[in-house]
Amino acid sequence: MDLNEIYSNKRTGISSTHKDSHPRTEYQRDFDRIIFSSAFRRLQNKTQVFPLPGSVFVHNRLTHSLEVASVGRSLGTLVGNIIHDKYKGDLTPESQDFYRYDLYNVVASACLCHDIGNPAFGHSGEDAIASYFIKNKDSLKKFFVEQDEKWKDLVNFEGNANAIRVLTHQQNGKSEGGIKLTYSTLAAIAKYPCESIAKDENFTHRKKFGFFQSEKNTFIDIAENTGMIKDDTTPLIYLRHPFVWLVEAADDICYNIIDLEDSHRLGIIEHSHCVKLLSDLITCIGGIDKLKIEGKLAKIDDRNDRISYLRAKAINVLTMRAKEIYENNLDKFLTGTFKKAIFNTIKNECDALQKIIAFSTENIYNDRNVVEIENAGYNVMYELLSHFIPPILEVESIRTQSQRKALKLLPRTFNYDGKPEYERILGVLDYISGMTDNYATDLYKRIKGIEIGMKI
């Protein structure tokens, strides 16, 4: 892989690359475009782990994404300097500047929008969308062949693929190219750079899929302009772009540690147990003397602040270890052939990290309050799909009055009536998957008659 050819400031919706006298670089502008986008703002009311937690402030998708971007910026800076110093003789002057001063902007921007395609209610929202099509396949088979690529997109609905659509798709009445990010940033979020029919859990880069058929040509253009290596053509599969591993590592580091901190605030984990798990992790990976940690903790009275200190130290040692793994295996990352996620590599080295993951799986992700709201969220999303998809697929001339009324609730931006069935369905999915938890819940209550009255 040529380090001079794996980044591009070409943008979706714009025909060519360009240079101007703007005070921000192209990649800094990516970060700002995401921050100011409505899709990003909606993350503030989308579930991270604990849906609608009430008065206790825990992380949502927006705060999580900001923190992942912070870790990603650090990793991008560290790796950018490594690449610059190790390959300086092979880099053009432009590439030297990119790796020194802009790789961290690309990684941070990709981290910022890595969850932008996730629907309300976290993974239960994804499950609801996929399940709707699986359960209704008999009524939909007149539109799709079961092994068709478009059908596979629907029954395997995936937030990662939806992120590419959210960021690049031209909605009704809006400008071409979506948010118009650079191809470098878009390539850096493609954890699973393959189409849905290539999904295979035995391969890291094919565990899920990365783009819908509607964005296939866009993704090909992104891949070709950022030097992505083609793994297969039928079905279409690429190896991961080198920057993806850094984005994934930043995400894994944050949610595994911060979910533990949130569980402490909610009283799911006892204070001394949380202290031990994080202290053991820091000494295991960072080689820091446990007595030094205990001495620092002895000076902090506030329980939440004690955990915040340990969380910061844990994220730091994990970040530095991720950097070391990337540096030691740089050739494999550049060719997309590293075998597993960086975080999983660290997990295999450290028993303390395995204990944190085991605790989180048993006590956080399966906490009764979390599971109850995930079940409720699943039903909300499923019912919204049931309200909009049958009407949009019905022939216009024979739609019932109730179906016509249902479609009046579908904003024009997402109404692709008259287009092929696949596009009509994706328009509905754009609307429903973009909803916040509260908006989806409120709309569900109103259309089901649970709550009746004017909403102004």
Protein backbone atom coordinates (compact mmCIF):
# COMPACT_ATOMS: atom_id res chain seq x y z
CA MET A 1 0.00 0.00 0.00
CA ASP A 2 1.45 3.35 -1.06
CA LEU A 3 1.29 5.77 1.86
CA ASN A 4 1.05 8.62 -0.65
CA GLU A 5 -2.13 7.16 -2.15
CA ILE A 6 -4.26 6.12 0.85
CA TYR A 7 -5.73 9.52 1.67
CA SER A 8 -7.77 11.93 -0.42
CA ASN A 9 -9.43 15.29 0.16
CA LYS A 10 -11.98 14.58 -2.54
CA ARG A 11 -15.51 15.02 -1.21
CA THR A 12 -18.83 13.35 -2.01
CA GLY A 13 -20.97 15.56 -4.20
CA ILE A 14 -17.95 17.52 -5.46
CA SER A 15 -16.36 16.41 -8.72
CA SER A 16 -12.70 17.13 -7.99
CA THR A 17 -10.15 17.81 -5.27
CA HIS A 18 -9.05 21.37 -4.77
CA LYS A 19 -6.81 23.59 -2.75
CA ASP A 20 -7.72 27.01 -1.51
CA SER A 21 -6.62 29.59 1.01
CA HIS A 22 -9.08 28.54 3.68
CA PRO A 23 -7.55 28.81 7.17
CA ARG A 24 -8.71 25.27 8.05
CA THR A 25 -7.40 22.18 6.28
CA GLU A 26 -9.86 19.97 4.41
CA TYR A 27 -9.74 17.44 7.23
CA GLN A 28 -10.35 20.02 9.95
CA ARG A 29 -13.40 21.07 7.96
CA ASP A 30 -14.68 17.48 8.10
CA PHE A 31 -14.72 17.66 11.89
CA ASP A 32 -16.64 20.93 11.83
CA ARG A 33 -19.15 19.71 9.22
CA ILE A 34 -20.00 16.73 11.42
CA ILE A 35 -20.29 18.83 14.60
CA PHE A 36 -22.76 21.19 12.93
CA SER A 37 -24.85 18.48 11.22
CA SER A 38 -28.36 17.66 12.43
CA ALA A 39 -27.58 13.91 12.30
CA PHE A 40 -24.79 14.44 14.82
CA ARG A 41 -26.93 16.60 17.11
CA ARG A 42 -29.58 13.90 17.25
CA LEU A 43 -27.04 11.57 18.88
CA GLN A 44 -27.56 13.50 22.13
CA ASN A 45 -30.85 11.64 22.62
CA LYS A 46 -29.87 8.21 21.31
CA THR A 47 -29.08 5.32 23.58
CA GLN A 48 -25.47 4.37 24.31
CA VAL A 49 -26.04 1.63 26.89
CA PHE A 50 -28.46 3.05 29.44
CA PRO A 51 -31.60 4.31 27.67
CA LEU A 52 -33.48 7.26 29.17
CA PRO A 53 -31.69 7.03 32.55
CA GLY A 54 -33.63 9.84 34.22
CA SER A 55 -31.80 12.32 36.43
CA VAL A 56 -28.44 10.48 36.55
CA PHE A 57 -26.15 11.85 33.86
CA VAL A 58 -24.57 9.00 31.92
CA HIS A 59 -23.30 8.78 28.39
CA ASN A 60 -25.45 8.99 25.28
CA ARG A 61 -24.31 8.48 21.69
CA LEU A 62 -23.21 12.11 21.39
CA THR A 63 -21.04 12.29 24.52
CA HIS A 64 -19.63 8.87 23.67
CA SER A 65 -18.73 10.03 20.14
CA LEU A 66 -17.01 13.17 21.46
CA GLU A 67 -14.90 11.10 23.84
CA VAL A 68 -14.03 8.56 21.14
CA ALA A 69 -12.94 11.47 18.95
CA SER A 70 -10.64 12.66 21.74
CA VAL A 71 -8.96 9.25 22.02
CA GLY A 72 -8.87 8.94 18.23
CA ARG A 73 -7.10 12.29 17.96
CA SER A 74 -4.41 11.02 20.33
CA LEU A 75 -3.96 7.78 18.39
CA GLY A 76 -3.92 9.67 15.08
CA THR A 77 -1.22 12.00 16.38
CA LEU A 78 0.95 9.18 17.70
CA VAL A 79 0.62 7.01 14.58
CA GLY A 80 0.98 9.99 12.24
CA ASN A 81 4.33 10.83 13.80
CA ILE A 82 5.43 7.19 13.60
CA ILE A 83 4.58 6.96 9.89
CA HIS A 84 6.21 10.31 9.18
CA ASP A 85 9.46 9.36 10.92
CA LYS A 86 9.66 5.77 9.66
CA TYR A 87 8.77 6.44 6.01
CA LYS A 88 9.85 10.05 5.59
CA GLY A 89 12.08 9.20 2.65
CA ASP A 90 9.17 7.62 0.77
CA LEU A 91 6.67 10.38 1.45
CA THR A 92 5.97 13.36 -0.76
CA PRO A 93 6.09 16.77 0.96
CA GLU A 94 2.28 16.81 0.92
CA SER A 95 2.17 13.37 2.56
CA GLN A 96 4.71 14.39 5.19
CA ASP A 97 2.41 17.25 6.15
CA PHE A 98 -0.65 15.00 6.11
CA TYR A 99 0.77 12.43 8.52
CA ARG A 100 2.26 15.04 10.84
CA TYR A 101 -0.63 17.50 10.89
CA ASP A 102 -3.80 15.93 9.49
CA LEU A 103 -4.04 12.19 10.13
CA TYR A 104 -5.29 12.98 13.63
CA ASN A 105 -8.03 15.17 12.11
CA VAL A 106 -9.17 12.30 9.88
CA VAL A 107 -9.22 9.79 12.73
CA ALA A 108 -10.96 12.22 15.09
CA SER A 109 -13.57 13.08 12.44
CA ALA A 110 -14.24 9.41 11.71
CA CYS A 111 -14.57 8.74 15.44
CA LEU A 112 -17.00 11.62 15.73
CA CYS A 113 -19.39 10.12 13.16
CA HIS A 114 -18.76 6.38 13.65
CA ASP A 115 -22.18 5.90 15.32
CA ILE A 116 -24.13 8.37 13.21
CA GLY A 117 -26.04 5.58 11.45
CA ASN A 118 -27.19 3.85 14.63
CA PRO A 119 -30.96 3.98 15.18
CA ALA A 120 -32.75 4.83 18.42
CA PHE A 121 -32.50 2.34 21.30
CA GLY A 122 -29.07 1.03 20.34
CA HIS A 123 -28.72 -2.49 19.03
CA SER A 124 -32.33 -3.31 19.86
CA GLY A 125 -33.29 -0.70 17.27
CA GLU A 126 -31.12 -2.44 14.68
CA ASP A 127 -32.65 -5.79 15.63
CA ALA A 128 -36.17 -4.40 15.28
CA ILE A 129 -35.50 -3.18 11.74
CA ALA A 130 -33.92 -6.46 10.62
CA SER A 131 -36.62 -8.51 12.35
CA TYR A 132 -39.41 -6.58 10.66
CA PHE A 133 -38.25 -7.76 7.24
CA ILE A 134 -37.53 -11.31 8.38
CA LYS A 135 -40.99 -11.68 9.93
CA ASN A 136 -42.75 -10.10 6.95
CA LYS A 137 -40.83 -11.83 4.18
CA ASP A 138 -43.93 -13.59 2.82
CA SER A 139 -45.74 -10.33 2.17
CA LEU A 140 -42.59 -8.75 0.73
CA LYS A 141 -41.44 -11.61 -1.51
CA LYS A 142 -43.31 -10.14 -4.50
CA PHE A 143 -40.79 -7.27 -4.36
CA PHE A 144 -37.57 -9.14 -3.55
CA VAL A 145 -35.80 -12.41 -4.28
CA GLU A 146 -34.64 -13.92 -0.98
CA GLN A 147 -30.97 -14.09 -1.99
CA ASP A 148 -31.02 -10.68 -3.64
CA GLU A 149 -28.41 -8.18 -2.43
CA LYS A 150 -31.06 -5.57 -1.66
CA TRP A 151 -33.10 -8.01 0.41
CA LYS A 152 -29.95 -8.96 2.34
CA ASP A 153 -29.43 -5.27 3.12
CA LEU A 154 -32.83 -5.15 4.81
CA VAL A 155 -32.80 -8.41 6.79
CA ASN A 156 -29.28 -7.63 8.03
CA PHE A 157 -29.85 -3.91 8.67
CA GLU A 158 -26.60 -2.50 10.00
CA GLY A 159 -25.76 0.82 11.61
CA ASN A 160 -22.29 0.84 10.05
CA ALA A 161 -23.73 0.66 6.53
CA ASN A 162 -26.38 3.19 7.48
CA ALA A 163 -23.64 5.61 8.55
CA ILE A 164 -22.27 5.69 5.00
CA ARG A 165 -25.79 6.38 3.74
CA VAL A 166 -26.48 9.13 6.30
CA LEU A 167 -23.19 10.84 5.46
CA THR A 168 -23.35 10.56 1.64
CA HIS A 169 -26.97 10.18 0.49
CA GLN A 170 -28.81 13.02 -1.22
CA GLN A 171 -32.23 13.27 0.44
CA ASN A 172 -35.24 14.82 -1.29
CA GLY A 173 -34.79 18.56 -1.56
CA LYS A 174 -31.25 18.55 -0.19
CA SER A 175 -27.84 19.05 -1.77
CA GLU A 176 -25.88 16.29 -3.48
CA GLY A 177 -23.29 14.35 -1.50
CA GLY A 178 -24.87 14.46 1.95
CA ILE A 179 -22.57 16.11 4.49
CA LYS A 180 -19.81 16.17 1.84
CA LEU A 181 -17.00 14.66 3.88
CA THR A 182 -13.59 13.78 2.44
CA TYR A 183 -13.07 10.26 1.20
CA SER A 184 -10.35 9.82 3.84
CA THR A 185 -12.80 10.27 6.71
CA LEU A 186 -15.41 8.04 5.06
CA ALA A 187 -12.86 5.27 4.44
CA ALA A 188 -11.83 5.47 8.09
CA ILE A 189 -15.30 4.48 9.38
CA ALA A 190 -15.67 1.44 7.10
CA LYS A 191 -15.02 -1.33 9.63
CA TYR A 192 -16.72 -3.88 7.39
CA PRO A 193 -15.91 -2.85 3.80
CA CYS A 194 -18.13 -5.36 2.01
CA GLU A 195 -21.70 -5.70 0.75
CA SER A 196 -24.35 -7.55 2.76
CA ILE A 197 -24.16 -10.82 0.80
CA ALA A 198 -20.47 -11.08 1.79
CA LYS A 199 -21.20 -10.96 5.52
CA ASP A 200 -19.24 -13.70 7.31
CA GLU A 201 -18.54 -13.69 11.06
CA ASN A 202 -15.36 -15.72 10.56
CA PHE A 203 -13.56 -12.67 9.13
CA THR A 204 -12.87 -9.46 11.02
CA HIS A 205 -13.56 -7.25 8.00
CA ARG A 206 -16.74 -9.18 7.10
CA LYS A 207 -18.34 -9.72 10.50
CA LYS A 208 -21.02 -7.24 9.40
CA PHE A 209 -21.30 -5.16 6.23
CA GLY A 210 -20.41 -1.59 5.39
CA PHE A 211 -22.68 -0.20 2.67
CA PHE A 212 -26.12 -0.69 1.19
CA GLN A 213 -26.60 -1.39 -2.51
CA SER A 214 -27.87 2.18 -2.83
CA GLU A 215 -24.39 3.46 -1.87
CA LYS A 216 -22.33 0.75 -3.57
CA ASN A 217 -21.03 2.96 -6.37
CA THR A 218 -20.23 5.72 -3.89
CA PHE A 219 -18.28 3.27 -1.75
CA ILE A 220 -16.35 1.97 -4.78
CA ASP A 221 -15.35 5.54 -5.57
CA ILE A 222 -14.23 6.10 -1.97
CA ALA A 223 -12.24 2.84 -1.98
CA GLU A 224 -10.53 3.55 -5.30
CA ASN A 225 -9.50 7.04 -4.22
CA THR A 226 -8.05 5.92 -0.88
CA GLY A 227 -6.04 2.91 -2.03
CA MET A 228 -8.24 0.25 -0.43
CA ILE A 229 -7.24 -3.27 -1.45
CA LYS A 230 -9.91 -5.39 -3.13
CA ASP A 231 -10.35 -8.78 -1.48
CA ASP A 232 -12.99 -10.07 -3.90
CA THR A 233 -15.26 -8.74 -6.63
CA THR A 234 -18.25 -11.11 -6.49
CA PRO A 235 -19.40 -10.34 -3.88
CA LEU A 236 -17.60 -7.04 -3.48
CA ILE A 237 -15.18 -7.11 -0.54
CA TYR A 238 -12.32 -4.81 0.37
CA LEU A 239 -9.69 -5.21 3.06
CA ARG A 240 -9.84 -2.64 5.82
CA HIS A 241 -8.31 0.76 5.28
CA PRO A 242 -5.32 1.37 7.61
CA PHE A 243 -7.06 4.22 9.45
CA VAL A 244 -10.08 2.06 10.40
CA TRP A 245 -8.14 0.14 13.02
CA LEU A 246 -7.41 3.34 14.94
CA VAL A 247 -11.06 4.45 14.91
CA GLU A 248 -12.17 1.00 16.07
CA ALA A 249 -9.56 0.96 18.86
CA ALA A 250 -10.65 4.38 20.13
CA ASP A 251 -14.29 3.24 20.20
CA ASP A 252 -13.50 -0.05 21.95
CA ILE A 253 -11.33 1.64 24.56
CA CYS A 254 -13.96 4.23 25.41
CA TYR A 255 -17.07 2.14 25.68
CA ASN A 256 -15.46 -0.69 27.63
CA ILE A 257 -14.07 1.69 30.25
CA ILE A 258 -16.76 4.37 30.30
CA ASP A 259 -19.63 1.88 30.52
CA LEU A 260 -18.02 0.73 33.76
CA GLU A 261 -17.86 4.31 35.02
CA ASP A 262 -21.54 4.84 34.13
CA SER A 263 -22.53 1.65 35.93
CA HIS A 264 -20.80 3.00 39.02
CA ARG A 265 -22.81 6.23 38.86
CA LEU A 266 -26.00 4.20 38.55
CA GLY A 267 -25.11 1.95 41.48
CA ILE A 268 -24.85 -1.21 39.38
CA ILE A 269 -21.30 -1.88 40.52
CA GLU A 270 -20.08 -1.44 44.10
CA HIS A 271 -17.40 1.24 44.54
CA SER A 272 -14.55 -0.95 45.85
CA HIS A 273 -15.16 -3.52 43.11
CA CYS A 274 -14.98 -0.83 40.43
CA VAL A 275 -11.76 0.54 41.95
CA LYS A 276 -10.18 -2.92 41.92
CA LEU A 277 -11.16 -3.69 38.32
CA LEU A 278 -9.73 -0.42 37.00
CA SER A 279 -6.62 -0.47 39.23
CA ASP A 280 -5.78 -4.02 38.14
CA LEU A 281 -6.19 -3.01 34.50
CA ILE A 282 -3.86 -0.03 34.86
CA THR A 283 -1.13 -2.06 36.54
CA CYS A 284 -1.59 -4.96 34.10
CA ILE A 285 -1.20 -2.89 30.92
CA GLY A 286 0.63 0.23 32.02
CA GLY A 287 3.05 -1.33 34.45
CA ILE A 288 2.19 1.38 36.98
CA ASP A 289 2.95 0.64 40.65
CA LYS A 290 -0.27 -0.17 42.48
CA LEU A 291 0.98 1.67 45.58
CA LYS A 292 1.27 4.85 43.52
CA ILE A 293 -2.36 4.51 42.43
CA GLU A 294 -3.51 3.84 45.98
CA GLY A 295 -1.61 6.89 47.20
CA LYS A 296 -3.37 9.10 44.67
CA LEU A 297 -6.78 7.62 45.52
CA ALA A 298 -6.18 8.25 49.24
CA LYS A 299 -6.15 12.01 48.50
CA ILE A 300 -9.56 11.92 46.76
CA ASP A 301 -12.67 11.76 48.93
CA ASP A 302 -15.40 11.91 46.29
CA ARG A 303 -16.27 8.43 45.02
CA ASN A 304 -17.18 9.50 41.51
CA ASP A 305 -13.98 11.53 41.23
CA ARG A 306 -11.93 8.51 42.33
CA ILE A 307 -13.44 6.48 39.50
CA SER A 308 -12.93 9.37 37.06
CA TYR A 309 -9.22 9.40 37.92
CA LEU A 310 -8.95 5.65 37.32
CA ARG A 311 -10.96 5.91 34.12
CA ALA A 312 -8.56 8.54 32.76
CA LYS A 313 -5.51 6.43 33.66
CA ALA A 314 -7.09 3.30 32.15
CA ILE A 315 -7.88 5.04 28.86
CA ASN A 316 -4.34 6.42 28.72
CA VAL A 317 -2.61 3.06 29.21
CA LEU A 318 -4.94 1.38 26.69
CA THR A 319 -4.27 4.14 24.15
CA MET A 320 -0.52 3.81 24.51
CA ARG A 321 -0.72 0.01 24.22
CA ALA A 322 -2.86 0.35 21.09
CA LYS A 323 -0.22 2.65 19.63
CA GLU A 324 2.49 0.09 20.37
CA ILE A 325 0.53 -2.72 18.68
CA TYR A 326 -0.06 -0.54 15.62
CA GLU A 327 3.60 0.44 15.43
CA ASN A 328 4.83 -3.14 15.85
CA ASN A 329 2.49 -4.45 13.15
CA LEU A 330 2.44 -1.46 10.84
CA ASP A 331 2.95 -3.45 7.65
CA LYS A 332 -0.07 -5.66 8.41
CA PHE A 333 -2.27 -2.67 9.17
CA LEU A 334 -1.20 -0.99 5.95
CA THR A 335 -2.25 -4.07 4.00
CA GLY A 336 -5.43 -4.69 6.01
CA THR A 337 -4.28 -8.17 7.04
CA PHE A 338 -4.06 -7.87 10.83
CA LYS A 339 -6.22 -10.71 12.13
CA LYS A 340 -8.30 -9.14 14.90
CA ALA A 341 -9.23 -5.84 16.49
CA ILE A 342 -6.46 -4.08 18.41
CA PHE A 343 -8.58 -4.07 21.58
CA ASN A 344 -9.09 -7.83 21.35
CA THR A 345 -5.32 -8.24 21.06
CA ILE A 346 -4.90 -6.28 24.30
CA LYS A 347 -7.68 -8.28 25.95
CA ASN A 348 -5.84 -11.52 25.23
CA GLU A 349 -2.77 -10.12 26.97
CA CYS A 350 -4.49 -8.88 30.11
CA ASP A 351 -6.62 -10.91 32.50
CA ALA A 352 -7.81 -7.72 34.22
CA LEU A 353 -9.37 -6.47 30.99
CA GLN A 354 -11.09 -9.81 30.50
CA LYS A 355 -12.63 -9.45 33.95
CA ILE A 356 -13.99 -5.99 33.13
CA ILE A 357 -15.59 -7.30 29.93
CA ALA A 358 -17.07 -10.30 31.75
CA PHE A 359 -18.50 -8.09 34.48
CA SER A 360 -19.98 -5.67 31.93
CA THR A 361 -21.60 -8.46 29.93
CA GLU A 362 -23.21 -10.05 32.98
CA ASN A 363 -24.10 -7.03 35.08
CA ILE A 364 -24.32 -3.96 32.82
CA TYR A 365 -25.59 -5.03 29.41
CA ASN A 366 -27.98 -7.50 31.03
CA ASP A 367 -29.11 -5.24 33.87
CA ARG A 368 -32.89 -5.54 34.21
CA ASN A 369 -33.52 -1.82 33.60
CA VAL A 370 -31.44 -1.92 30.43
CA VAL A 371 -33.15 -5.05 29.14
CA GLU A 372 -36.65 -3.74 29.91
CA ILE A 373 -36.12 -0.54 27.94
CA GLU A 374 -34.37 -2.41 25.11
CA ASN A 375 -37.47 -4.59 24.82
CA ALA A 376 -39.70 -1.52 24.83
CA GLY A 377 -37.48 0.18 22.25
CA TYR A 378 -37.62 -2.88 20.01
CA ASN A 379 -41.42 -2.79 20.06
CA VAL A 380 -41.53 0.96 19.41
CA MET A 381 -39.29 0.67 16.34
CA TYR A 382 -41.08 -2.42 15.01
CA GLU A 383 -44.49 -0.74 15.29
CA LEU A 384 -43.29 2.40 13.53
CA LEU A 385 -42.06 0.29 10.63
CA SER A 386 -45.42 -1.51 10.53
CA HIS A 387 -47.15 1.86 10.31
CA PHE A 388 -45.15 3.27 7.39
CA ILE A 389 -43.78 0.45 5.22
CA PRO A 390 -47.03 -1.24 4.05
CA PRO A 391 -48.51 2.12 2.90
CA ILE A 392 -45.38 3.21 1.02
CA LEU A 393 -45.27 -0.14 -0.81
CA GLU A 394 -48.96 -0.19 -1.70
CA VAL A 395 -50.00 0.86 -5.21
CA GLU A 396 -51.08 4.48 -4.91
CA SER A 397 -54.45 3.99 -6.59
CA ILE A 398 -55.60 1.32 -4.11
CA ARG A 399 -54.24 2.74 -0.87
CA THR A 400 -56.79 2.87 1.91
CA GLN A 401 -57.66 6.12 3.61
CA SER A 402 -55.68 5.10 6.70
CA GLN A 403 -52.62 4.32 4.55
CA ARG A 404 -52.86 7.73 2.89
CA LYS A 405 -53.08 9.35 6.32
CA ALA A 406 -50.05 7.38 7.50
CA LEU A 407 -47.96 8.68 4.61
CA LYS A 408 -48.94 12.26 5.42
CA LEU A 409 -46.85 11.78 8.58
CA LEU A 410 -43.80 10.81 6.49
CA PRO A 411 -41.78 13.99 5.82
CA ARG A 412 -41.22 14.84 2.17
CA THR A 413 -37.47 14.48 2.68
CA PHE A 414 -37.95 10.73 3.22
CA ASN A 415 -40.89 10.04 0.91
CA TYR A 416 -39.69 8.30 -2.25
CA ASP A 417 -43.16 7.34 -3.46
CA GLY A 418 -43.06 6.33 -7.13
CA LYS A 419 -39.44 5.11 -6.92
CA PRO A 420 -38.52 1.37 -6.87
CA GLU A 421 -39.64 -0.49 -3.73
CA TYR A 422 -36.10 -0.76 -2.30
CA GLU A 423 -35.67 3.02 -2.44
CA ARG A 424 -39.09 3.62 -0.91
CA ILE A 425 -38.23 1.35 2.01
CA LEU A 426 -34.85 3.02 2.51
CA GLY A 427 -36.60 6.38 2.69
CA VAL A 428 -38.74 5.10 5.57
CA LEU A 429 -35.66 3.61 7.24
CA ASP A 430 -33.87 6.96 6.88
CA TYR A 431 -36.73 8.58 8.78
CA ILE A 432 -37.15 5.98 11.51
CA SER A 433 -33.46 5.17 12.05
CA GLY A 434 -32.71 8.89 12.36
CA MET A 435 -35.20 9.36 15.20
CA THR A 436 -34.06 9.98 18.74
CA ASP A 437 -35.29 7.69 21.51
CA ASN A 438 -37.76 10.31 22.76
CA TYR A 439 -39.08 11.25 19.33
CA ALA A 440 -39.65 7.61 18.38
CA THR A 441 -41.41 6.94 21.69
CA ASP A 442 -43.62 10.04 21.39
CA LEU A 443 -44.60 9.26 17.79
CA TYR A 444 -45.37 5.67 18.73
CA LYS A 445 -47.68 6.83 21.54
CA ARG A 446 -49.52 9.23 19.24
CA ILE A 447 -50.12 6.87 16.34
CA LYS A 448 -51.16 4.03 18.68
CA GLY A 449 -53.62 6.29 20.52
CA ILE A 450 -51.80 5.98 23.83
CA GLU A 451 -51.39 9.75 23.91
CA ILE A 452 -53.81 12.02 22.08
CA GLY A 453 -53.67 15.77 21.72
CA MET A 454 -52.01 18.62 19.81
CA LYS A 455 -48.20 18.67 19.65
CA ILE A 456 -46.86 22.14 19.03
